[in-house]
Structure formats: structure tokens, C-alpha cells
Amino acid sequence: MASLPTLHLVIPGLLTPLATWKRDYDFVPASSLLVQKLSGMKKQKSGQADWISTVYALLPPSSETTTVSHAENCFAFEFGQAPPVTDVPGAVLCADPIELEAGMSDIMIGTTVIDDLTPREQQQLQSLLNQHFSQDGWYFRVSGQGRWFLLLPQQHKPEQTFSIELALGKSLRDLVEGTEAVQWSKQLNELQMLLYSSVTNQQREQQRQRQISSFWLWDIVTPAYAPCSTAGDLKFIAGGGYEGQVMAHHAQVDWMDFFDEAPDKDLTGIYIYRDLVIAARENNLAMWQEKLQQLEAFLPVLFKHSHRRVVLHTGDGVFWQQGQSLWGRLTGGRWRLKKTLLDYL
């Protein structure tokens, strides 16, 4: 018996900022369609820490490996091949240029990645970094699209890193302490000091451009299976920006922009809407509300395929799928239709 086609709707930032915004600004989000949709769904835990891990859990299982590395997938997407194999077992990390900002009592990571480096600046930084860290077996590599990676010995790779999605806008101290290794922290400090005095940053300061304080080094490693799985029938991924394209390439399915017209027949697919989490990261309530309205205006296009099962993922360890709770069934769901998104925290 064929499995029911499923629409996986991944909306990070939909619920996460609302408790803080309600407390600090008395903010009540204006939403109609999503509140109505959630009223007929059950909340469940998924265990994934961010939306990237959430999507990987929905992809078709791999028969070749027991784990999947997002950094390796990004490298293969950029260079058309897996990271080079050497005599010494190696690893690869994504390396995103970031700006560090002084907070009230800590150093904060900027809310966006620095993505305006010129080819000349990229070459300057790559030469500087590789000359300094070559004795440690570290090698920085930048793609033609400006994506940075760190190739390093496997034993240097920390057991846990935090994705760029979890790091942006957060406290540096909390995240670095979470990566456990004293030696790792030492290397990161060397990296920051090297960049601070670099010619590239001096020139950017003169031009009033953001300076590269460090590179955020990270990977997401997930089991190579799909616990949710209708994933074997996955046909496409829509949205998710660069990360969405990488995961579609890894899963060997089509990728399209989020607001492209939905396929004209019932297909299992994943839609990733990142605009809310970007607005939340910048603490921009007006932008968040505007992006929510744009999403709700588009959702009828997705929901018009009545034969597709809908699963909503908020990218914070929770997902919602059709079917009411016992209390919802006893009351016919009428009590829930009047609620706001705040009531689903």
C-alpha cells in the first residue's frame, strides 16, 4: 500500500521568540490561517535542535554510511566532490565569517554572516590563515561562491559544535564552552588575534565595512536514517536558502524557491520558510509580523492538495501533525479556534 503524500512545512522562528516578545513588549502575533491549522494538530517532540537537523531527519535514509555530515555535503555541493582523502584521517567543518560585538557582560556573535568579501580579500585571508595554521594540519579553503571550509585532522574536530543557525546573535562564551576542548578554545583565540591585525580588516575598517572577527566553525552530524519517514517518497525541497539547496543535492531531489508554484499533483515535499527566524534573530517584531503575513497569504497554495498529509515543524525540537488531542476531540476543537499562536507555546 502506497504511503500518503506528505507536506512537511518547516517554519523555524514561528514560536520560539513569542514568549520573550510577549514579556518584553506585550506582543501578540496576528495570525489566522496557522492558528486554525494548528487547532487540528497534535504537538509532538522530535529531538532535533535546529531546523537543519530537522530537515535531515526527513530525508531518505542512506545505505552507504551510518551518519551524515552537513559540512561534507556543503563541500561536495561547492566543489563537486567529497573532501580530499589523505593519509591522515581528516574532517571538514563549515567556516562562516562572523563579526563579534561587545555585549553588556559578554561577547556576542553578530546576527548575520559576513558575505561581502571580495575575491582579493578571500585570497588574502586564505593565504594568511593557511600559512599560520599549516603546522597544525589546518587548511582553509574557499569556493568560487565564497563559501569557506576548514579541513583539519579528525582528532582536532570537537565532538560537538553548534550550527551557524544556533550561533548567530548568541553569546560566544556559552557556545565555545559547549564545544568542550581547551585546545579548541586556544585555536579559536589564535584565529581571532590573527584576523584582528590582518591587512584585510584594516582596509575594511577604513572603508567602514564590517570586520571579520573570526570564522564560526561547525558541522551537523545526524544519523543516516529518517525517523519520520515518508521520506522515501520525497520528490522536492522548496526554500531554505543555501542550506536547502545543499540538502536537496544530497538527497538527489529537485530544489525550488519557497514561493514557486507548488507542483500540480500530490507529491511528498519539504517547504522551508526561514524568514521568521531571520527576523527573530534581529529582534525585529515588525519584520517578523510582515513575513508571517506573507507566509499565510501563500499557504492556501500549499494546502489546496487535500490528499496530502500536513506536518508542521518549528525547528526547535517540536513538530505538529494532523489529529487532535483527547481534549480537542471531546470539545470538537471549538475551544482552540479562538486562540493565538501564543497559546501553542
Protein backbone atom coordinates (compact mmCIF):
# COMPACT_ATOMS: atom_id res chain seq x y z
CA MET A 1 0.00 0.00 0.00
CA ALA A 2 1.46 3.35 -1.05
CA SER A 3 2.14 5.83 1.74
CA LEU A 4 0.11 9.01 1.89
CA PRO A 5 1.87 12.00 0.24
CA THR A 6 3.11 14.39 2.92
CA LEU A 7 3.71 18.11 3.01
CA HIS A 8 6.43 18.89 5.56
CA LEU A 9 6.27 22.58 6.40
CA VAL A 10 9.39 23.72 8.31
CA ILE A 11 8.95 27.17 9.90
CA PRO A 12 11.79 28.00 12.31
CA GLY A 13 11.14 31.10 14.40
CA LEU A 14 7.37 30.66 14.35
CA LEU A 15 7.01 30.12 18.11
CA THR A 16 10.47 30.43 19.70
CA PRO A 17 10.61 34.25 20.16
CA LEU A 18 7.00 34.78 21.21
CA ALA A 19 7.31 34.23 24.96
CA THR A 20 10.12 36.79 25.23
CA TRP A 21 8.32 39.30 22.99
CA LYS A 22 5.11 38.93 24.98
CA ARG A 23 7.01 39.54 28.24
CA ASP A 24 9.13 42.46 26.99
CA TYR A 25 6.80 44.17 24.51
CA ASP A 26 3.34 42.71 25.21
CA PHE A 27 3.44 41.46 21.62
CA VAL A 28 0.53 39.35 20.38
CA PRO A 29 1.08 37.98 16.87
CA ALA A 30 -1.67 38.45 14.31
CA SER A 31 -2.33 35.09 12.67
CA SER A 32 -5.42 33.39 11.32
CA LEU A 33 -4.62 30.51 8.98
CA LEU A 34 -1.81 28.97 11.05
CA VAL A 35 -3.80 29.25 14.28
CA GLN A 36 -6.67 27.47 12.57
CA LYS A 37 -4.35 24.82 11.15
CA LEU A 38 -2.69 24.15 14.50
CA SER A 39 -6.07 23.70 16.15
CA GLY A 40 -6.45 20.40 14.34
CA MET A 41 -2.95 19.13 15.08
CA LYS A 42 -1.16 17.28 17.85
CA LYS A 43 2.13 18.53 19.28
CA GLN A 44 4.99 16.03 19.49
CA LYS A 45 8.70 16.11 20.30
CA SER A 46 11.27 15.42 17.60
CA GLY A 47 14.61 15.83 19.39
CA GLN A 48 16.25 17.96 16.68
CA ALA A 49 17.93 21.14 17.98
CA ASP A 50 17.55 23.32 14.89
CA TRP A 51 15.80 23.41 11.55
CA ILE A 52 18.75 22.00 9.59
CA SER A 53 18.79 18.87 11.76
CA THR A 54 15.00 18.74 11.42
CA VAL A 55 15.20 18.58 7.64
CA TYR A 56 17.95 15.95 7.66
CA ALA A 57 15.67 13.72 9.75
CA LEU A 58 13.12 13.92 6.91
CA LEU A 59 15.50 12.93 4.10
CA PRO A 60 15.64 9.45 2.57
CA PRO A 61 17.91 7.08 4.53
CA SER A 62 21.42 6.39 3.28
CA SER A 63 22.65 2.85 2.80
CA GLU A 64 26.30 3.90 2.42
CA THR A 65 27.05 5.50 5.82
CA THR A 66 25.70 5.43 9.36
CA THR A 67 25.94 9.22 9.75
CA VAL A 68 25.54 12.25 7.52
CA SER A 69 27.80 15.32 7.81
CA HIS A 70 26.30 18.62 6.67
CA ALA A 71 29.77 20.14 6.25
CA GLU A 72 30.78 17.30 3.92
CA ASN A 73 27.57 17.79 1.95
CA CYS A 74 28.25 21.53 1.65
CA PHE A 75 31.80 20.82 0.48
CA ALA A 76 30.56 18.35 -2.15
CA PHE A 77 27.92 20.86 -3.29
CA GLU A 78 30.56 23.58 -3.75
CA PHE A 79 33.41 21.59 -5.25
CA GLY A 80 31.58 18.70 -6.92
CA GLN A 81 33.42 16.10 -4.84
CA ALA A 82 33.88 14.89 -1.30
CA PRO A 83 36.65 16.40 0.85
CA PRO A 84 40.07 15.05 -0.21
CA VAL A 85 41.21 11.80 1.36
CA THR A 86 44.72 11.92 2.84
CA ASP A 87 46.98 9.52 4.70
CA VAL A 88 45.84 11.07 7.96
CA PRO A 89 42.09 10.71 8.67
CA GLY A 90 40.62 14.14 8.09
CA ALA A 91 37.47 16.08 8.79
CA VAL A 92 35.80 19.15 7.34
CA LEU A 93 33.93 21.99 9.03
CA CYS A 94 31.91 24.84 7.61
CA ALA A 95 33.71 28.12 8.32
CA ASP A 96 31.45 31.17 8.24
CA PRO A 97 32.98 34.67 8.59
CA ILE A 98 31.41 36.44 11.58
CA GLU A 99 31.64 39.70 13.48
CA LEU A 100 31.91 39.72 17.27
CA GLU A 101 30.28 42.52 19.24
CA ALA A 102 30.79 43.59 22.86
CA GLY A 103 27.63 42.98 24.91
CA MET A 104 26.73 44.09 28.42
CA SER A 105 28.74 41.30 30.05
CA ASP A 106 29.84 39.05 27.21
CA ILE A 107 30.97 38.91 23.60
CA MET A 108 28.06 38.40 21.20
CA ILE A 109 28.10 36.91 17.73
CA GLY A 110 26.60 39.16 15.05
CA THR A 111 23.17 38.35 13.69
CA THR A 112 24.32 37.75 10.12
CA VAL A 113 27.27 36.09 8.38
CA ILE A 114 29.70 38.43 6.59
CA ASP A 115 29.16 37.58 2.93
CA ASP A 116 30.60 40.57 1.06
CA LEU A 117 34.28 39.58 0.89
CA THR A 118 35.83 40.33 -2.49
CA PRO A 119 37.90 37.67 -4.30
CA ARG A 120 41.02 39.66 -3.38
CA GLU A 121 40.05 39.69 0.30
CA GLN A 122 39.29 35.99 0.20
CA GLN A 123 42.73 35.28 -1.27
CA GLN A 124 44.43 37.50 1.34
CA LEU A 125 42.70 35.78 4.23
CA GLN A 126 43.16 32.27 2.87
CA SER A 127 46.92 32.80 2.47
CA LEU A 128 47.23 34.35 5.94
CA LEU A 129 45.27 31.60 7.68
CA ASN A 130 46.89 28.67 5.90
CA GLN A 131 50.39 29.99 6.47
CA HIS A 132 49.72 30.33 10.20
CA PHE A 133 47.82 27.08 10.83
CA SER A 134 49.62 24.75 8.41
CA GLN A 135 51.78 23.37 11.24
CA ASP A 136 48.58 22.19 12.95
CA GLY A 137 47.31 20.47 9.81
CA TRP A 138 44.56 23.06 9.36
CA TYR A 139 43.76 24.17 5.82
CA PHE A 140 41.15 26.80 4.96
CA ARG A 141 39.54 26.56 1.54
CA VAL A 142 37.09 28.97 -0.10
CA SER A 143 34.85 28.09 -3.06
CA GLY A 144 34.14 30.19 -6.10
CA GLN A 145 30.83 31.16 -4.48
CA GLY A 146 32.60 32.46 -1.37
CA ARG A 147 31.80 29.53 0.92
CA TRP A 148 34.54 28.77 3.45
CA PHE A 149 35.61 25.41 4.86
CA LEU A 150 38.25 24.16 7.26
CA LEU A 151 39.97 20.86 6.55
CA LEU A 152 41.61 19.51 9.69
CA PRO A 153 42.81 16.26 11.29
CA GLN A 154 39.94 14.16 12.61
CA GLN A 155 41.34 14.24 16.14
CA HIS A 156 41.15 18.06 16.15
CA LYS A 157 37.45 18.13 15.37
CA PRO A 158 35.39 18.66 18.55
CA GLU A 159 32.68 16.14 19.32
CA GLN A 160 30.06 18.90 19.46
CA THR A 161 29.73 22.12 17.53
CA PHE A 162 26.79 24.49 17.22
CA SER A 163 25.36 25.26 13.81
CA ILE A 164 25.54 28.80 12.46
CA GLU A 165 21.76 28.94 12.82
CA LEU A 166 22.08 28.43 16.58
CA ALA A 167 25.16 30.66 16.93
CA LEU A 168 24.13 33.91 15.24
CA GLY A 169 23.07 36.54 17.77
CA LYS A 170 24.15 34.40 20.72
CA SER A 171 26.78 34.63 23.47
CA LEU A 172 30.19 33.46 22.32
CA ARG A 173 31.19 32.22 25.77
CA ASP A 174 28.25 29.85 26.14
CA LEU A 175 28.75 28.29 22.72
CA VAL A 176 32.53 27.88 22.89
CA GLU A 177 32.30 26.32 26.35
CA GLY A 178 29.85 23.86 24.86
CA THR A 179 32.50 22.60 22.44
CA GLU A 180 34.44 21.28 25.43
CA ALA A 181 38.10 21.35 24.38
CA VAL A 182 40.65 23.71 25.94
CA GLN A 183 42.88 23.23 22.91
CA TRP A 184 39.98 24.10 20.63
CA SER A 185 39.38 27.37 22.51
CA LYS A 186 43.09 28.15 22.21
CA GLN A 187 42.97 27.69 18.45
CA LEU A 188 39.91 29.93 18.18
CA ASN A 189 41.67 32.64 20.19
CA GLU A 190 44.67 32.43 17.84
CA LEU A 191 42.31 32.76 14.90
CA GLN A 192 40.70 35.90 16.35
CA MET A 193 44.03 37.56 17.13
CA LEU A 194 45.38 36.78 13.67
CA LEU A 195 42.32 38.28 12.00
CA TYR A 196 42.30 41.34 14.26
CA SER A 197 45.67 42.54 12.96
CA SER A 198 45.17 41.45 9.35
CA VAL A 199 45.61 43.83 6.42
CA THR A 200 42.17 42.81 5.19
CA ASN A 201 40.46 44.02 8.36
CA GLN A 202 42.48 47.23 8.43
CA GLN A 203 41.31 48.01 4.92
CA ARG A 204 37.71 47.13 5.72
CA GLU A 205 37.80 49.38 8.77
CA GLN A 206 38.96 52.30 6.62
CA GLN A 207 36.06 51.62 4.24
CA ARG A 208 33.61 51.35 7.16
CA GLN A 209 32.80 47.74 6.39
CA ARG A 210 32.20 45.02 8.93
CA GLN A 211 35.41 43.38 10.08
CA ILE A 212 35.92 39.63 10.21
CA SER A 213 36.42 38.89 13.89
CA SER A 214 36.50 35.12 13.46
CA PHE A 215 35.18 32.18 11.48
CA TRP A 216 32.38 30.14 13.02
CA LEU A 217 33.49 26.52 12.65
CA TRP A 218 30.71 23.98 12.71
CA ASP A 219 29.10 20.84 11.42
CA ILE A 220 25.85 18.97 11.93
CA VAL A 221 26.20 15.20 12.05
CA THR A 222 22.96 13.23 12.02
CA PRO A 223 22.08 9.54 11.82
CA ALA A 224 21.66 8.37 8.24
CA TYR A 225 18.05 7.33 8.68
CA ALA A 226 14.71 9.08 8.64
CA PRO A 227 12.74 8.57 11.86
CA CYS A 228 9.66 10.32 10.45
CA SER A 229 9.78 8.52 7.30
CA THR A 230 7.59 9.11 4.44
CA ALA A 231 10.99 10.31 3.29
CA GLY A 232 11.47 7.52 0.78
CA ASP A 233 8.84 9.21 -1.38
CA LEU A 234 10.43 12.68 -1.14
CA LYS A 235 10.31 14.49 -4.51
CA PHE A 236 11.48 18.03 -3.79
CA ILE A 237 12.68 20.61 -1.27
CA ALA A 238 11.48 24.20 -1.52
CA GLY A 239 13.17 27.15 0.20
CA GLY A 240 15.77 27.00 2.93
CA GLY A 241 18.23 29.16 1.00
CA TYR A 242 21.71 27.73 0.58
CA GLU A 243 21.20 25.00 3.19
CA GLY A 244 18.04 23.87 1.41
CA GLN A 245 19.91 23.59 -1.88
CA VAL A 246 22.68 21.56 -0.23
CA MET A 247 20.21 19.12 1.31
CA ALA A 248 18.29 18.73 -1.95
CA HIS A 249 21.58 17.98 -3.71
CA HIS A 250 22.45 15.41 -1.04
CA ALA A 251 19.02 13.76 -1.27
CA GLN A 252 19.12 13.90 -5.10
CA VAL A 253 15.74 15.62 -5.33
CA ASP A 254 14.64 18.82 -7.02
CA TRP A 255 15.05 22.18 -5.29
CA MET A 256 12.90 25.24 -5.89
CA ASP A 257 12.33 28.61 -4.31
CA PHE A 258 9.80 28.64 -1.47
CA PHE A 259 7.30 30.84 -3.30
CA ASP A 260 7.45 28.92 -6.58
CA GLU A 261 4.13 27.44 -7.64
CA ALA A 262 3.51 24.15 -5.88
CA PRO A 263 3.54 21.01 -8.07
CA ASP A 264 0.19 20.40 -9.70
CA LYS A 265 -0.21 16.94 -8.19
CA ASP A 266 0.10 15.40 -4.76
CA LEU A 267 3.80 14.91 -4.02
CA THR A 268 5.74 14.48 -0.82
CA GLY A 269 7.88 17.57 -0.32
CA ILE A 270 9.58 19.77 2.25
CA TYR A 271 8.92 23.51 2.37
CA ILE A 272 11.39 25.55 4.47
CA TYR A 273 10.46 29.12 5.42
CA ARG A 274 13.46 30.87 7.07
CA ASP A 275 12.27 34.49 7.04
CA LEU A 276 10.71 34.34 10.51
CA VAL A 277 13.85 33.09 12.24
CA ILE A 278 15.92 35.77 10.49
CA ALA A 279 13.57 38.49 11.76
CA ALA A 280 13.55 36.94 15.24
CA ARG A 281 17.35 36.87 15.34
CA GLU A 282 17.37 40.62 14.72
CA ASN A 283 14.61 41.13 17.29
CA ASN A 284 12.57 42.85 14.59
CA LEU A 285 8.91 42.37 15.53
CA ALA A 286 7.52 44.37 12.60
CA MET A 287 9.55 42.38 10.07
CA TRP A 288 8.52 39.13 11.74
CA GLN A 289 4.82 40.04 11.52
CA GLU A 290 5.19 41.11 7.88
CA LYS A 291 6.91 37.85 6.95
CA LEU A 292 4.21 35.88 8.78
CA GLN A 293 1.53 37.62 6.73
CA GLN A 294 3.41 36.81 3.51
CA LEU A 295 3.58 33.17 4.57
CA GLU A 296 -0.12 32.96 5.42
CA ALA A 297 -1.02 34.55 2.08
CA PHE A 298 0.89 31.75 0.33
CA LEU A 299 -0.22 28.78 2.43
CA PRO A 300 -3.54 28.21 0.60
CA VAL A 301 -1.43 27.36 -2.47
CA LEU A 302 0.20 24.58 -0.46
CA PHE A 303 -2.92 23.37 1.30
CA LYS A 304 -5.00 23.10 -1.88
CA HIS A 305 -3.84 19.49 -2.32
CA SER A 306 -6.35 17.94 0.04
CA HIS A 307 -4.91 14.42 -0.23
CA ARG A 308 -1.57 15.39 1.31
CA ARG A 309 -0.90 14.85 4.99
CA VAL A 310 0.49 18.03 6.59
CA VAL A 311 3.24 18.01 9.22
CA LEU A 312 4.42 21.33 10.64
CA HIS A 313 7.94 21.55 12.11
CA THR A 314 9.03 24.58 14.14
CA GLY A 315 12.72 23.62 14.11
CA ASP A 316 13.08 23.68 17.89
CA GLY A 317 12.54 20.04 18.79
CA VAL A 318 8.79 20.09 18.17
CA PHE A 319 6.52 19.10 15.30
CA TRP A 320 2.77 19.10 14.80
CA GLN A 321 0.76 16.62 12.78
CA GLN A 322 -2.90 16.23 11.97
CA GLY A 323 -5.09 14.74 14.67
CA GLN A 324 -6.45 16.44 17.76
CA SER A 325 -5.63 15.73 21.36
CA LEU A 326 -8.20 13.92 23.51
CA TRP A 327 -9.45 17.24 24.95
CA GLY A 328 -9.71 18.70 21.46
CA ARG A 329 -11.80 15.75 20.30
CA LEU A 330 -14.10 15.95 23.34
CA THR A 331 -14.77 19.64 22.71
CA GLY A 332 -14.96 19.34 18.96
CA GLY A 333 -11.94 21.64 18.65
CA ARG A 334 -14.15 24.72 19.06
CA TRP A 335 -12.31 26.00 22.12
CA ARG A 336 -9.00 26.10 20.24
CA LEU A 337 -10.08 28.10 17.20
CA LYS A 338 -10.13 31.34 19.22
CA LYS A 339 -6.52 31.00 20.34
CA THR A 340 -3.43 32.92 19.16
CA LEU A 341 0.00 31.49 18.42
CA LEU A 342 0.96 32.32 22.00
CA ASP A 343 -1.33 29.55 23.20
CA TYR A 344 0.72 26.93 21.36
CA LEU A 345 3.99 27.59 23.17
